[in-house]
C-alpha atoms as a PDB file:
ATOM      1  CA  UNK A   1     105.341  91.891  83.667  1.00  0.00           C
ATOM      2  CA  UNK A   2     103.806  93.281  86.852  1.00  0.00           C
ATOM      3  CA  UNK A   3     100.018  92.934  86.919  1.00  0.00           C
ATOM      4  CA  UNK A   4      99.397  92.599  90.662  1.00  0.00           C
ATOM      5  CA  UNK A   5     100.013  95.050  93.509  1.00  0.00           C
ATOM      6  CA  UNK A   6     100.354  93.767  97.063  1.00  0.00           C
ATOM      7  CA  UNK A   7      99.668  96.517  99.593  1.00  0.00           C
ATOM      8  CA  UNK A   8     100.616  96.640 103.218  1.00  0.00           C
ATOM      9  CA  UNK A   9      97.904  98.383 105.247  1.00  0.00           C
ATOM     10  CA  UNK A  10      99.118 100.056 108.454  1.00  0.00           C
ATOM     11  CA  UNK A  11     101.526 102.852 107.602  1.00  0.00           C
ATOM     12  CA  UNK A  12     100.968 102.313 103.884  1.00  0.00           C
ATOM     13  CA  UNK A  13      97.395 102.554 102.629  1.00  0.00           C
ATOM     14  CA  UNK A  14      96.397 103.698 106.109  1.00  0.00           C
ATOM     15  CA  UNK A  15      98.994 106.122 107.520  1.00  0.00           C
ATOM     16  CA  UNK A  16      99.494 105.903 111.271  1.00  0.00           C
ATOM     17  CA  UNK A  17     102.075 106.201 113.997  1.00  0.00           C
ATOM     18  CA  UNK A  18     102.167 102.543 114.992  1.00  0.00           C
ATOM     19  CA  UNK A  19     103.148 103.068 118.626  1.00  0.00           C
ATOM     20  CA  UNK A  20     100.384 105.613 119.140  1.00  0.00           C
ATOM     21  CA  UNK A  21      97.757 103.371 117.564  1.00  0.00           C
ATOM     22  CA  UNK A  22      98.928 100.350 119.542  1.00  0.00           C
ATOM     23  CA  UNK A  23      98.608 102.263 122.822  1.00  0.00           C
ATOM     24  CA  UNK A  24      95.043 103.359 122.061  1.00  0.00           C
ATOM     25  CA  UNK A  25      94.170  99.838 120.884  1.00  0.00           C
ATOM     26  CA  UNK A  26      95.359  98.181 124.078  1.00  0.00           C
ATOM     27  CA  UNK A  27      93.755 100.850 126.271  1.00  0.00           C
ATOM     28  CA  UNK A  28      90.389 100.270 124.594  1.00  0.00           C
ATOM     29  CA  UNK A  29      90.609  96.465 124.600  1.00  0.00           C
ATOM     30  CA  UNK A  30      91.813  96.338 128.212  1.00  0.00           C
ATOM     31  CA  UNK A  31      88.959  98.583 129.285  1.00  0.00           C
ATOM     32  CA  UNK A  32      86.460  96.307 127.543  1.00  0.00           C
ATOM     33  CA  UNK A  33      87.773  93.264 129.403  1.00  0.00           C
ATOM     34  CA  UNK A  34      88.766  94.878 132.724  1.00  0.00           C
ATOM     35  CA  UNK A  35      85.833  93.252 134.534  1.00  0.00           C
ATOM     36  CA  UNK A  36      87.405  89.861 133.816  1.00  0.00           C
ATOM     37  CA  UNK A  37      91.181  90.296 133.645  1.00  0.00           C
ATOM     38  CA  UNK A  38      93.714  92.835 134.853  1.00  0.00           C
ATOM     39  CA  UNK A  39      94.814  95.019 131.897  1.00  0.00           C
ATOM     40  CA  UNK A  40      98.543  94.398 132.228  1.00  0.00           C
ATOM     41  CA  UNK A  41      98.011  90.637 132.355  1.00  0.00           C
ATOM     42  CA  UNK A  42      95.829  90.749 129.240  1.00  0.00           C
ATOM     43  CA  UNK A  43      98.324  92.847 127.309  1.00  0.00           C
ATOM     44  CA  UNK A  44     101.237  90.632 128.335  1.00  0.00           C
ATOM     45  CA  UNK A  45      99.357  87.513 127.218  1.00  0.00           C
ATOM     46  CA  UNK A  46      98.360  89.062 123.872  1.00  0.00           C
ATOM     47  CA  UNK A  47     101.914  90.176 123.112  1.00  0.00           C
ATOM     48  CA  UNK A  48     103.320  86.743 123.978  1.00  0.00           C
ATOM     49  CA  UNK A  49     100.735  84.862 121.917  1.00  0.00           C
ATOM     50  CA  UNK A  50     101.242  87.263 119.009  1.00  0.00           C
ATOM     51  CA  UNK A  51     104.946  86.486 119.135  1.00  0.00           C
ATOM     52  CA  UNK A  52     104.066  82.800 118.865  1.00  0.00           C
ATOM     53  CA  UNK A  53     102.034  83.572 115.721  1.00  0.00           C
ATOM     54  CA  UNK A  54     104.945  85.421 114.152  1.00  0.00           C
ATOM     55  CA  UNK A  55     107.307  82.522 114.880  1.00  0.00           C
ATOM     56  CA  UNK A  56     104.913  79.808 113.710  1.00  0.00           C
ATOM     57  CA  UNK A  57     106.212  77.479 110.995  1.00  0.00           C
ATOM     58  CA  UNK A  58     103.380  74.926 111.069  1.00  0.00           C
ATOM     59  CA  UNK A  59     101.488  75.173 107.789  1.00  0.00           C
ATOM     60  CA  UNK A  60      98.677  73.081 109.219  1.00  0.00           C
ATOM     61  CA  UNK A  61      97.663  75.711 111.787  1.00  0.00           C
ATOM     62  CA  UNK A  62      96.146  79.102 111.050  1.00  0.00           C
ATOM     63  CA  UNK A  63      97.446  82.134 112.893  1.00  0.00           C
ATOM     64  CA  UNK A  64      94.221  82.173 114.893  1.00  0.00           C
ATOM     65  CA  UNK A  65      94.726  78.563 115.982  1.00  0.00           C
ATOM     66  CA  UNK A  66      98.321  79.232 117.029  1.00  0.00           C
ATOM     67  CA  UNK A  67      97.300  82.360 118.919  1.00  0.00           C
ATOM     68  CA  UNK A  68      94.390  80.741 120.754  1.00  0.00           C
ATOM     69  CA  UNK A  69      96.339  77.631 121.756  1.00  0.00           C
ATOM     70  CA  UNK A  70      99.019  79.789 123.343  1.00  0.00           C
ATOM     71  CA  UNK A  71      96.679  82.455 124.729  1.00  0.00           C
ATOM     72  CA  UNK A  72      94.435  79.973 126.544  1.00  0.00           C
ATOM     73  CA  UNK A  73      97.454  78.607 128.407  1.00  0.00           C
ATOM     74  CA  UNK A  74      98.469  82.035 129.682  1.00  0.00           C
ATOM     75  CA  UNK A  75      95.267  83.230 131.334  1.00  0.00           C
ATOM     76  CA  UNK A  76      93.270  81.919 134.255  1.00  0.00           C
ATOM     77  CA  UNK A  77      89.779  83.188 133.490  1.00  0.00           C
ATOM     78  CA  UNK A  78      86.711  81.825 131.745  1.00  0.00           C
ATOM     79  CA  UNK A  79      88.028  81.772 128.180  1.00  0.00           C
ATOM     80  CA  UNK A  80      84.592  81.604 126.554  1.00  0.00           C
ATOM     81  CA  UNK A  81      83.375  84.658 128.430  1.00  0.00           C
ATOM     82  CA  UNK A  82      86.605  86.536 127.730  1.00  0.00           C
ATOM     83  CA  UNK A  83      86.497  85.752 124.015  1.00  0.00           C
ATOM     84  CA  UNK A  84      82.860  86.899 123.918  1.00  0.00           C
ATOM     85  CA  UNK A  85      83.993  90.288 125.228  1.00  0.00           C
ATOM     86  CA  UNK A  86      86.912  90.407 122.785  1.00  0.00           C
ATOM     87  CA  UNK A  87      84.664  89.510 119.847  1.00  0.00           C
ATOM     88  CA  UNK A  88      82.244  92.256 120.899  1.00  0.00           C
ATOM     89  CA  UNK A  89      85.174  94.672 121.055  1.00  0.00           C
ATOM     90  CA  UNK A  90      86.189  93.971 117.449  1.00  0.00           C
ATOM     91  CA  UNK A  91      82.578  94.052 116.282  1.00  0.00           C
ATOM     92  CA  UNK A  92      81.459  97.225 118.065  1.00  0.00           C
ATOM     93  CA  UNK A  93      84.329  99.138 119.702  1.00  0.00           C
ATOM     94  CA  UNK A  94      87.354  98.747 117.428  1.00  0.00           C
ATOM     95  CA  UNK A  95      85.814 101.017 114.788  1.00  0.00           C
ATOM     96  CA  UNK A  96      86.102 103.974 117.158  1.00  0.00           C
ATOM     97  CA  UNK A  97      89.916 103.805 116.985  1.00  0.00           C
ATOM     98  CA  UNK A  98      89.908 105.523 113.611  1.00  0.00           C
ATOM     99  CA  UNK A  99      90.906 108.738 115.409  1.00  0.00           C
ATOM    100  CA  UNK A 100      94.360 107.202 116.006  1.00  0.00           C
ATOM    101  CA  UNK A 101      95.033 106.904 112.262  1.00  0.00           C
ATOM    102  CA  UNK A 102      95.706 109.480 109.543  1.00  0.00           C
ATOM    103  CA  UNK A 103      93.770 108.580 106.368  1.00  0.00           C
ATOM    104  CA  UNK A 104      94.836 110.445 103.222  1.00  0.00           C
ATOM    105  CA  UNK A 105      92.950 110.862  99.959  1.00  0.00           C
ATOM    106  CA  UNK A 106      96.036 110.081  97.893  1.00  0.00           C
ATOM    107  CA  UNK A 107      95.699 106.428  98.939  1.00  0.00           C
ATOM    108  CA  UNK A 108      92.235 106.383  97.370  1.00  0.00           C
ATOM    109  CA  UNK A 109      93.643 107.985  94.204  1.00  0.00           C
ATOM    110  CA  UNK A 110      96.431 105.407  93.945  1.00  0.00           C
ATOM    111  CA  UNK A 111      94.051 102.469  94.288  1.00  0.00           C
ATOM    112  CA  UNK A 112      91.539 103.937  91.834  1.00  0.00           C
ATOM    113  CA  UNK A 113      94.204 104.467  89.150  1.00  0.00           C
ATOM    114  CA  UNK A 114      95.450 100.902  89.517  1.00  0.00           C
ATOM    115  CA  UNK A 115      91.940  99.481  89.490  1.00  0.00           C
ATOM    116  CA  UNK A 116      91.041 101.473  86.372  1.00  0.00           C
ATOM    117  CA  UNK A 117      94.186 100.174  84.687  1.00  0.00           C
ATOM    118  CA  UNK A 118      93.187  96.582  85.379  1.00  0.00           C
ATOM    119  CA  UNK A 119      95.697  95.605  88.070  1.00  0.00           C
ATOM    120  CA  UNK A 120      94.904  92.876  90.572  1.00  0.00           C
ATOM    121  CA  UNK A 121      94.945  94.470  94.036  1.00  0.00           C
ATOM    122  CA  UNK A 122      95.725  92.640  97.262  1.00  0.00           C
ATOM    123  CA  UNK A 123      95.807  93.699 100.905  1.00  0.00           C
ATOM    124  CA  UNK A 124      98.899  91.894 102.185  1.00  0.00           C
ATOM    125  CA  UNK A 125      98.789  93.178 105.755  1.00  0.00           C
ATOM    126  CA  UNK A 126     100.521  91.233 108.495  1.00  0.00           C
ATOM    127  CA  UNK A 127      97.660  88.906 109.558  1.00  0.00           C
ATOM    128  CA  UNK A 128      97.819  89.495 113.296  1.00  0.00           C
ATOM    129  CA  UNK A 129      94.241  90.769 113.597  1.00  0.00           C
ATOM    130  CA  UNK A 130      90.804  89.218 113.090  1.00  0.00           C
ATOM    131  CA  UNK A 131      89.204  89.969 109.737  1.00  0.00           C
ATOM    132  CA  UNK A 132      86.691  92.290 111.363  1.00  0.00           C
ATOM    133  CA  UNK A 133      89.484  94.622 112.496  1.00  0.00           C
ATOM    134  CA  UNK A 134      91.232  94.525 109.119  1.00  0.00           C
ATOM    135  CA  UNK A 135      88.052  95.386 107.230  1.00  0.00           C
ATOM    136  CA  UNK A 136      87.463  98.326 109.578  1.00  0.00           C
ATOM    137  CA  UNK A 137      90.964  99.660 108.824  1.00  0.00           C
ATOM    138  CA  UNK A 138      90.454  99.344 105.069  1.00  0.00           C
ATOM    139  CA  UNK A 139      87.244 101.348 105.382  1.00  0.00           C
ATOM    140  CA  UNK A 140      88.977 103.970 107.543  1.00  0.00           C
ATOM    141  CA  UNK A 141      91.386 104.538 104.675  1.00  0.00           C
ATOM    142  CA  UNK A 142      88.433 105.455 102.452  1.00  0.00           C
ATOM    143  CA  UNK A 143      88.812 102.365 100.285  1.00  0.00           C
ATOM    144  CA  UNK A 144      86.262  99.784  99.169  1.00  0.00           C
ATOM    145  CA  UNK A 145      86.773  96.222 100.312  1.00  0.00           C
ATOM    146  CA  UNK A 146      85.476  95.055  96.927  1.00  0.00           C
ATOM    147  CA  UNK A 147      88.463  96.661  95.167  1.00  0.00           C
ATOM    148  CA  UNK A 148      90.751  93.937  96.499  1.00  0.00           C
ATOM    149  CA  UNK A 149      90.917  90.410  95.156  1.00  0.00           C
ATOM    150  CA  UNK A 150      92.351  89.029  98.397  1.00  0.00           C
ATOM    151  CA  UNK A 151      92.777  90.305 101.964  1.00  0.00           C
ATOM    152  CA  UNK A 152      94.983  88.540 104.493  1.00  0.00           C
ATOM    153  CA  UNK A 153      93.630  87.928 108.003  1.00  0.00           C
ATOM    154  CA  UNK A 154      94.522  85.808 110.996  1.00  0.00           C
ATOM    155  CA  UNK A 155      91.594  83.450 110.580  1.00  0.00           C
ATOM    156  CA  UNK A 156      92.817  82.093 107.227  1.00  0.00           C
ATOM    157  CA  UNK A 157      96.556  82.875 107.080  1.00  0.00           C
ATOM    158  CA  UNK A 158      99.127  80.357 108.272  1.00  0.00           C
ATOM    159  CA  UNK A 159     102.182  82.610 108.471  1.00  0.00           C
ATOM    160  CA  UNK A 160     103.177  86.173 109.329  1.00  0.00           C
ATOM    161  CA  UNK A 161     105.655  88.664 107.956  1.00  0.00           C
ATOM    162  CA  UNK A 162     108.619  88.556 107.653  1.00  0.00           C
ATOM    163  CA  UNK A 163     108.345  84.811 107.021  1.00  0.00           C
ATOM    164  CA  UNK A 164     108.696  84.220 103.282  1.00  0.00           C
ATOM    165  CA  UNK A 165     105.967  81.584 103.572  1.00  0.00           C
ATOM    166  CA  UNK A 166     103.529  84.442 104.174  1.00  0.00           C
ATOM    167  CA  UNK A 167     104.239  85.830 100.712  1.00  0.00           C
ATOM    168  CA  UNK A 168     104.215  82.367  99.125  1.00  0.00           C
ATOM    169  CA  UNK A 169     100.762  81.766 100.579  1.00  0.00           C
ATOM    170  CA  UNK A 170      99.490  85.099  99.224  1.00  0.00           C
ATOM    171  CA  UNK A 171     100.858  84.293  95.764  1.00  0.00           C
ATOM    172  CA  UNK A 172      99.191  80.885  95.865  1.00  0.00           C
ATOM    173  CA  UNK A 173      95.846  82.351  96.929  1.00  0.00           C
ATOM    174  CA  UNK A 174      95.796  84.862  94.054  1.00  0.00           C
ATOM    175  CA  UNK A 175      97.412  82.544  91.486  1.00  0.00           C
ATOM    176  CA  UNK A 176     100.328  84.812  90.662  1.00  0.00           C
ATOM    177  CA  UNK A 177     104.069  84.368  90.192  1.00  0.00           C
ATOM    178  CA  UNK A 178     106.591  86.604  91.993  1.00  0.00           C
ATOM    179  CA  UNK A 179     107.489  88.245  88.682  1.00  0.00           C
ATOM    180  CA  UNK A 180     103.894  89.449  88.300  1.00  0.00           C
ATOM    181  CA  UNK A 181     103.839  91.245  91.648  1.00  0.00           C
ATOM    182  CA  UNK A 182     104.927  94.467  93.319  1.00  0.00           C
ATOM    183  CA  UNK A 183     104.911  94.729  97.121  1.00  0.00           C
ATOM    184  CA  UNK A 184     104.186  98.235  98.434  1.00  0.00           C
ATOM    185  CA  UNK A 185     104.948  98.779 102.106  1.00  0.00           C
ATOM    186  CA  UNK A 186     106.561 100.977 104.734  1.00  0.00           C
ATOM    187  CA  UNK A 187     108.271  98.317 106.862  1.00  0.00           C
ATOM    188  CA  UNK A 188     111.834  97.485 105.841  1.00  0.00           C
ATOM    189  CA  UNK A 189     112.011  94.180 107.698  1.00  0.00           C
ATOM    190  CA  UNK A 190     108.478  92.947 107.017  1.00  0.00           C
ATOM    191  CA  UNK A 191     107.776  94.154 103.476  1.00  0.00           C
ATOM    192  CA  UNK A 192     111.084  94.338 101.602  1.00  0.00           C
ATOM    193  CA  UNK A 193     111.820  90.693 102.427  1.00  0.00           C
ATOM    194  CA  UNK A 194     109.415  89.861  99.575  1.00  0.00           C
ATOM    195  CA  UNK A 195     112.292  90.664  97.209  1.00  0.00           C
ATOM    196  CA  UNK A 196     113.932  87.373  98.191  1.00  0.00           C
ATOM    197  CA  UNK A 197     111.193  85.600  96.229  1.00  0.00           C
ATOM    198  CA  UNK A 198     111.646  87.797  93.181  1.00  0.00           C
ATOM    199  CA  UNK A 199     108.807  90.197  94.024  1.00  0.00           C
ATOM    200  CA  UNK A 200     109.545  93.818  93.147  1.00  0.00           C
ATOM    201  CA  UNK A 201     109.269  96.231  96.092  1.00  0.00           C
ATOM    202  CA  UNK A 202     108.261  99.858  96.616  1.00  0.00           C
ATOM    203  CA  UNK A 203     109.170 101.370  99.992  1.00  0.00           C
ATOM    204  CA  UNK A 204     106.871 104.115 101.293  1.00  0.00           C
ATOM    205  CA  UNK A 205     109.175 106.430 103.223  1.00  0.00           C
ATOM    206  CA  UNK A 206     106.594 108.730 104.874  1.00  0.00           C
ATOM    207  CA  UNK A 207     105.950 106.307 107.752  1.00  0.00           C
ATOM    208  CA  UNK A 208     108.960 104.070 107.244  1.00  0.00           C
ATOM    209  CA  UNK A 209     109.770 101.498 109.925  1.00  0.00           C
ATOM    210  CA  UNK A 210     113.361 100.265 109.998  1.00  0.00           C
ATOM    211  CA  UNK A 211     113.813  98.530 113.359  1.00  0.00           C
ATOM    212  CA  UNK A 212     117.365  97.405 112.644  1.00  0.00           C
ATOM    213  CA  UNK A 213     118.479 100.613 110.890  1.00  0.00           C
ATOM    214  CA  UNK A 214     119.577  98.574 107.915  1.00  0.00           C
ATOM    215  CA  UNK A 215     120.565 100.039 104.609  1.00  0.00           C
ATOM    216  CA  UNK A 216     117.542  99.734 102.356  1.00  0.00           C
ATOM    217  CA  UNK A 217     117.639  98.696  98.740  1.00  0.00           C
ATOM    218  CA  UNK A 218     114.100  98.423  97.345  1.00  0.00           C
ATOM    219  CA  UNK A 219     113.440  98.461  93.630  1.00  0.00           C
ATOM    220  CA  UNK A 220     111.534 101.720  94.103  1.00  0.00           C
ATOM    221  CA  UNK A 221     111.061 104.113  97.005  1.00  0.00           C
ATOM    222  CA  UNK A 222     109.603 107.491  97.819  1.00  0.00           C
ATOM    223  CA  UNK A 223     106.707 109.427  99.286  1.00  0.00           C
ATOM    224  CA  UNK A 224     102.992 108.950  98.672  1.00  0.00           C
ATOM    225  CA  UNK A 225     103.280 111.537  95.916  1.00  0.00           C
ATOM    226  CA  UNK A 226     106.110 109.526  94.357  1.00  0.00           C
ATOM    227  CA  UNK A 227     103.978 106.393  94.472  1.00  0.00           C
ATOM    228  CA  UNK A 228     101.104 108.285  92.842  1.00  0.00           C
ATOM    229  CA  UNK A 229     103.408 109.359  90.007  1.00  0.00           C
ATOM    230  CA  UNK A 230     104.720 105.801  89.743  1.00  0.00           C
ATOM    231  CA  UNK A 231     101.278 104.231  89.329  1.00  0.00           C
ATOM    232  CA  UNK A 232     100.239 106.914  86.850  1.00  0.00           C
ATOM    233  CA  UNK A 233     103.173 105.838  84.686  1.00  0.00           C
ATOM    234  CA  UNK A 234     102.386 102.117  84.862  1.00  0.00           C
ATOM    235  CA  UNK A 235     100.944 100.669  81.670  1.00  0.00           C
ATOM    236  CA  UNK A 236      97.365  99.404  81.644  1.00  0.00           C
ATOM    237  CA  UNK A 237      96.914  95.647  81.851  1.00  0.00           C
ATOM    238  CA  UNK A 238      95.774  94.101  78.600  1.00  0.00           C
ATOM    239  CA  UNK A 239      92.804  91.830  79.075  1.00  0.00           C
ATOM    240  CA  UNK A 240      92.977  88.448  77.458  1.00  0.00           C
ATOM    241  CA  UNK A 241      90.537  88.080  74.575  1.00  0.00           C
END
């Protein structure tokens, strides 16, 4: 029986046009670091090192460790000074990017219903960002960080979507079996792959990403309103006495 809901963040709990957000993100970060590194060089290095994170299969290295090892080899500036600027960006400047997202109240309603019914809630976002940035995006969506039992981030995660090891690690961290979980997401390639482990899937179609234009076959699919109806019809979780 399903008792745990794994939520993607970008395009799911926090609606956004990913390309638009990414452009504003890189513009802001590049501007912050422009006194040290040419914007195009910084963006190229970040994209390449992010790709290394996504491809990583070494369970002994966190995503942050993989990223930094690769990133440091691609730039020829004072890495400590650069990382100080980047850390300041996530701490102080990243929060101003909320304008590039489209928060909706229905996401708050969905989470509240599930919480009131006793479901374990997890943010299973692709852990490509520092925790600071992920917590900002949760707050932009109008949600409380405390509502979630576990939140993925690049400091503690060892794998990325669509690697199945990402989902195995999440299950291990929350102590759940695949049969107890439902993955809710908008990305066909990154989120629906969870079904290969036996996790039920719900595809949010409002901001659906289907890079390969594949035929989709989730267990459930629909709009935010459909998801709201779905969670309203879920049974409450019985607490063990």
